[in-house]
Amino acid sequence: MVLSRGWSLFLIGVGVWTWAIWPRFGLAIWNDARAWAGGTVGGSAPTGFFWIHLLLIAAALVIGTTVGVLGIRGWRAARRASRR
């Protein structure tokens, strides 16, 4: 299956958007007092709040990267198909 250029651009955009949004969210979680047992940012053990959000952020980045790569591959395949 070859994706159209429009859908490929959409997938690339989703990948870029994911990398623009989720690291910022990770920084917000890091700076949240609920993420740390002692309430001091980075000064004590991380809580479950921190770990579950870290897992969600990691999963989102993996999925976003995969979608972006599929978009790039789709764009290249559509370009090759249009040359023929």
Protein backbone atom coordinates (compact mmCIF):
# COMPACT_ATOMS: atom_id res chain seq x y z
CA MET A 1 0.00 0.00 0.00
CA VAL A 2 1.26 3.46 -0.86
CA LEU A 3 0.01 6.41 1.17
CA SER A 4 -0.92 9.60 -0.58
CA ARG A 5 1.34 12.59 -0.05
CA GLY A 6 -1.40 14.30 1.94
CA TRP A 7 -1.73 11.44 4.42
CA SER A 8 2.03 11.11 4.60
CA LEU A 9 2.34 14.79 5.50
CA PHE A 10 -0.36 14.35 8.12
CA LEU A 11 1.56 11.47 9.72
CA ILE A 12 4.80 13.46 9.65
CA GLY A 13 2.96 16.36 11.28
CA VAL A 14 1.65 14.08 14.04
CA GLY A 15 5.19 12.86 14.69
CA VAL A 16 6.54 16.41 14.89
CA TRP A 17 3.62 17.53 17.07
CA THR A 18 4.28 14.64 19.46
CA TRP A 19 7.90 15.68 19.89
CA ALA A 20 6.89 19.31 20.34
CA ILE A 21 4.30 18.62 23.06
CA TRP A 22 5.32 15.63 25.17
CA PRO A 23 8.82 16.72 26.28
CA ARG A 24 7.26 19.95 27.58
CA PHE A 25 4.70 17.89 29.48
CA GLY A 26 7.57 15.85 30.93
CA LEU A 27 9.19 19.02 32.20
CA ALA A 28 5.90 20.05 33.82
CA ILE A 29 5.65 16.66 35.57
CA TRP A 30 9.27 16.94 36.73
CA ASN A 31 8.54 20.33 38.29
CA ASP A 32 5.31 19.15 39.98
CA ALA A 33 5.63 18.62 43.73
CA ARG A 34 3.29 15.59 43.47
CA ALA A 35 6.03 13.78 41.53
CA TRP A 36 8.35 13.71 44.53
CA ALA A 37 7.86 11.98 47.90
CA GLY A 38 9.22 14.89 49.90
CA GLY A 39 7.47 17.53 47.83
CA THR A 40 10.82 19.03 46.83
CA VAL A 41 11.47 18.85 43.10
CA GLY A 42 14.25 16.36 42.46
CA GLY A 43 15.14 16.28 46.15
CA SER A 44 13.54 12.95 47.08
CA ALA A 45 12.33 9.68 45.64
CA PRO A 46 9.93 9.83 42.69
CA THR A 47 6.32 8.85 43.38
CA GLY A 48 3.92 6.69 41.41
CA PHE A 49 2.58 9.91 39.87
CA PHE A 50 6.01 10.52 38.36
CA TRP A 51 6.52 6.96 37.12
CA ILE A 52 3.13 6.56 35.47
CA HIS A 53 3.51 9.88 33.67
CA LEU A 54 7.04 8.96 32.61
CA LEU A 55 5.64 5.73 31.14
CA LEU A 56 2.87 7.62 29.32
CA ILE A 57 5.34 10.14 27.90
CA ALA A 58 7.73 7.41 26.75
CA ALA A 59 4.89 5.48 25.07
CA ALA A 60 3.62 8.64 23.35
CA LEU A 61 7.09 9.45 22.04
CA VAL A 62 7.60 5.92 20.72
CA ILE A 63 4.20 5.96 19.00
CA GLY A 64 4.76 9.47 17.63
CA THR A 65 8.18 8.52 16.30
CA THR A 66 6.75 5.41 14.64
CA VAL A 67 3.93 7.41 13.04
CA GLY A 68 6.41 10.05 11.82
CA VAL A 69 8.70 7.42 10.32
CA LEU A 70 5.74 5.80 8.56
CA GLY A 71 4.84 9.21 7.18
CA ILE A 72 8.35 9.74 5.85
CA ARG A 73 8.37 6.28 4.29
CA GLY A 74 4.94 6.93 2.78
CA TRP A 75 6.11 10.27 1.35
CA ARG A 76 9.15 8.62 -0.23
CA ALA A 77 7.06 5.76 -1.66
CA ALA A 78 4.52 8.20 -3.11
CA ARG A 79 7.33 10.20 -4.69
CA ARG A 80 8.84 7.08 -6.23
CA ALA A 81 5.43 5.98 -7.52
CA SER A 82 4.82 9.37 -9.16
CA ARG A 83 8.15 9.16 -11.03
CA ARG A 84 7.10 5.97 -12.80
